[in-house]
C-alpha atoms as a PDB file:
ATOM      1  CA  MET A   1       3.492 -33.075 -11.247  1.00  0.00           C
ATOM      2  CA  GLU A   2       4.151 -36.798 -10.918  1.00  0.00           C
ATOM      3  CA  LYS A   3       6.039 -38.607 -13.625  1.00  0.00           C
ATOM      4  CA  ILE A   4       3.893 -41.067 -15.567  1.00  0.00           C
ATOM      5  CA  ASP A   5       4.964 -44.694 -15.302  1.00  0.00           C
ATOM      6  CA  GLN A   6       5.052 -45.753 -18.967  1.00  0.00           C
ATOM      7  CA  GLU A   7       4.601 -49.448 -18.190  1.00  0.00           C
ATOM      8  CA  GLU A   8       1.540 -48.810 -16.025  1.00  0.00           C
ATOM      9  CA  PHE A   9       0.185 -46.422 -18.659  1.00  0.00           C
ATOM     10  CA  ALA A  10       0.600 -49.092 -21.372  1.00  0.00           C
ATOM     11  CA  GLU A  11      -1.191 -51.669 -19.197  1.00  0.00           C
ATOM     12  CA  ARG A  12      -4.112 -49.297 -18.679  1.00  0.00           C
ATOM     13  CA  ILE A  13      -4.320 -48.538 -22.402  1.00  0.00           C
ATOM     14  CA  ASP A  14      -4.337 -52.289 -23.134  1.00  0.00           C
ATOM     15  CA  ARG A  15      -7.126 -52.844 -20.588  1.00  0.00           C
ATOM     16  CA  ILE A  16      -9.225 -49.995 -22.000  1.00  0.00           C
ATOM     17  CA  SER A  17      -8.660 -51.333 -25.531  1.00  0.00           C
ATOM     18  CA  GLU A  18      -9.822 -54.780 -24.419  1.00  0.00           C
ATOM     19  CA  ILE A  19     -12.991 -53.334 -22.854  1.00  0.00           C
ATOM     20  CA  PHE A  20     -13.847 -51.294 -25.950  1.00  0.00           C
ATOM     21  CA  SER A  21     -13.120 -54.272 -28.187  1.00  0.00           C
ATOM     22  CA  GLN A  22     -15.620 -56.373 -26.213  1.00  0.00           C
ATOM     23  CA  LEU A  23     -18.215 -53.590 -26.450  1.00  0.00           C
ATOM     24  CA  ALA A  24     -17.683 -53.251 -30.199  1.00  0.00           C
ATOM     25  CA  ASN A  25     -17.952 -57.018 -30.734  1.00  0.00           C
ATOM     26  CA  HIS A  26     -21.207 -57.145 -28.769  1.00  0.00           C
ATOM     27  CA  ALA A  27     -22.656 -54.195 -30.701  1.00  0.00           C
ATOM     28  CA  GLU A  28     -21.636 -55.741 -34.026  1.00  0.00           C
ATOM     29  CA  HIS A  29     -23.250 -59.069 -33.094  1.00  0.00           C
ATOM     30  CA  GLN A  30     -26.436 -57.364 -31.884  1.00  0.00           C
ATOM     31  CA  ALA A  31     -26.661 -55.256 -35.051  1.00  0.00           C
ATOM     32  CA  LEU A  32     -27.142 -58.422 -37.104  1.00  0.00           C
ATOM     33  CA  SER A  33     -30.608 -59.028 -35.653  1.00  0.00           C
ATOM     34  CA  ARG A  34     -31.761 -55.916 -33.798  1.00  0.00           C
ATOM     35  CA  CYS A  35     -33.459 -53.303 -35.917  1.00  0.00           C
ATOM     36  CA  PRO A  36     -31.563 -49.999 -35.804  1.00  0.00           C
ATOM     37  CA  TYR A  37     -34.887 -48.144 -35.534  1.00  0.00           C
ATOM     38  CA  LYS A  38     -35.940 -49.914 -32.311  1.00  0.00           C
ATOM     39  CA  ASN A  39     -35.185 -47.728 -29.300  1.00  0.00           C
ATOM     40  CA  ARG A  40     -34.439 -48.800 -25.729  1.00  0.00           C
ATOM     41  CA  LEU A  41     -38.172 -48.720 -24.891  1.00  0.00           C
ATOM     42  CA  ASP A  42     -38.984 -51.134 -27.756  1.00  0.00           C
ATOM     43  CA  LEU A  43     -40.652 -48.358 -29.741  1.00  0.00           C
ATOM     44  CA  CYS A  44     -40.148 -47.963 -33.485  1.00  0.00           C
ATOM     45  CA  THR A  45     -38.550 -44.705 -34.617  1.00  0.00           C
ATOM     46  CA  ALA A  46     -38.652 -45.556 -38.347  1.00  0.00           C
ATOM     47  CA  GLN A  47     -40.308 -43.000 -40.595  1.00  0.00           C
ATOM     48  CA  PHE A  48     -41.679 -45.750 -42.852  1.00  0.00           C
ATOM     49  CA  GLY A  49     -43.933 -48.760 -42.495  1.00  0.00           C
ATOM     50  CA  CYS A  50     -42.702 -52.046 -41.081  1.00  0.00           C
ATOM     51  CA  ARG A  51     -44.641 -55.252 -40.475  1.00  0.00           C
ATOM     52  CA  ASN A  52     -43.291 -55.292 -36.891  1.00  0.00           C
ATOM     53  CA  GLN A  53     -44.986 -51.997 -35.977  1.00  0.00           C
ATOM     54  CA  ARG A  54     -47.978 -52.330 -33.677  1.00  0.00           C
ATOM     55  CA  VAL A  55     -50.257 -50.035 -31.684  1.00  0.00           C
ATOM     56  CA  ILE A  56     -49.010 -46.457 -31.372  1.00  0.00           C
ATOM     57  CA  ASP A  57     -47.951 -45.391 -27.872  1.00  0.00           C
ATOM     58  CA  SER A  58     -50.246 -42.515 -26.904  1.00  0.00           C
ATOM     59  CA  GLU A  59     -47.596 -40.774 -24.767  1.00  0.00           C
ATOM     60  CA  CYS A  60     -44.870 -40.424 -27.398  1.00  0.00           C
ATOM     61  CA  GLY A  61     -46.737 -41.126 -30.632  1.00  0.00           C
ATOM     62  CA  LEU A  62     -44.411 -43.933 -31.725  1.00  0.00           C
ATOM     63  CA  PRO A  63     -45.582 -47.424 -32.688  1.00  0.00           C
ATOM     64  CA  ALA A  64     -44.470 -50.350 -30.561  1.00  0.00           C
ATOM     65  CA  CYS A  65     -41.940 -52.695 -32.146  1.00  0.00           C
ATOM     66  CA  ARG A  66     -42.830 -56.362 -31.944  1.00  0.00           C
ATOM     67  CA  GLY A  67     -39.639 -57.606 -33.546  1.00  0.00           C
ATOM     68  CA  ASP A  68     -38.419 -60.743 -31.778  1.00  0.00           C
ATOM     69  CA  GLU A  69     -34.739 -60.203 -32.668  1.00  0.00           C
ATOM     70  CA  GLN A  70     -34.844 -63.531 -34.546  1.00  0.00           C
ATOM     71  CA  LEU A  71     -35.880 -61.900 -37.797  1.00  0.00           C
ATOM     72  CA  ASP A  72     -33.621 -60.341 -40.389  1.00  0.00           C
ATOM     73  CA  TYR A  73     -35.274 -56.934 -39.943  1.00  0.00           C
ATOM     74  CA  ARG A  74     -34.078 -55.669 -43.323  1.00  0.00           C
ATOM     75  CA  HIS A  75     -36.770 -57.741 -45.072  1.00  0.00           C
ATOM     76  CA  ALA A  76     -39.513 -56.400 -42.791  1.00  0.00           C
ATOM     77  CA  TRP A  77     -39.420 -52.926 -44.281  1.00  0.00           C
ATOM     78  CA  GLU A  78     -42.361 -52.180 -46.525  1.00  0.00           C
ATOM     79  CA  PRO A  79     -41.671 -49.225 -48.847  1.00  0.00           C
ATOM     80  CA  GLY A  80     -44.698 -47.031 -49.403  1.00  0.00           C
ATOM     81  CA  ALA A  81     -46.624 -48.232 -46.339  1.00  0.00           C
ATOM     82  CA  LEU A  82     -46.910 -44.668 -45.050  1.00  0.00           C
ATOM     83  CA  GLY A  83     -47.949 -43.276 -48.426  1.00  0.00           C
ATOM     84  CA  GLU A  84     -44.512 -42.367 -49.765  1.00  0.00           C
ATOM     85  CA  GLN A  85     -43.897 -42.649 -53.461  1.00  0.00           C
ATOM     86  CA  THR A  86     -41.483 -45.365 -54.520  1.00  0.00           C
ATOM     87  CA  LEU A  87     -39.238 -45.183 -57.563  1.00  0.00           C
END
């Protein structure tokens, strides 16, 4: 078994840390405006009503999400829109 070069190993760890840091920063920034219930196909997976929900996709049964990513999605949620009881 080859001996591990500690300096090269440290450089690789630093590079991987930098890559993951960039990914985390991008995800954190995106989370400020992208609804967490919007999937990669722009369909809404929320189990409650939202004013951004539109026509239901006949193939998967999920409503389309029309959020424009400019909206603070947290105010779009409408409790009770699907008939749930609110407290």
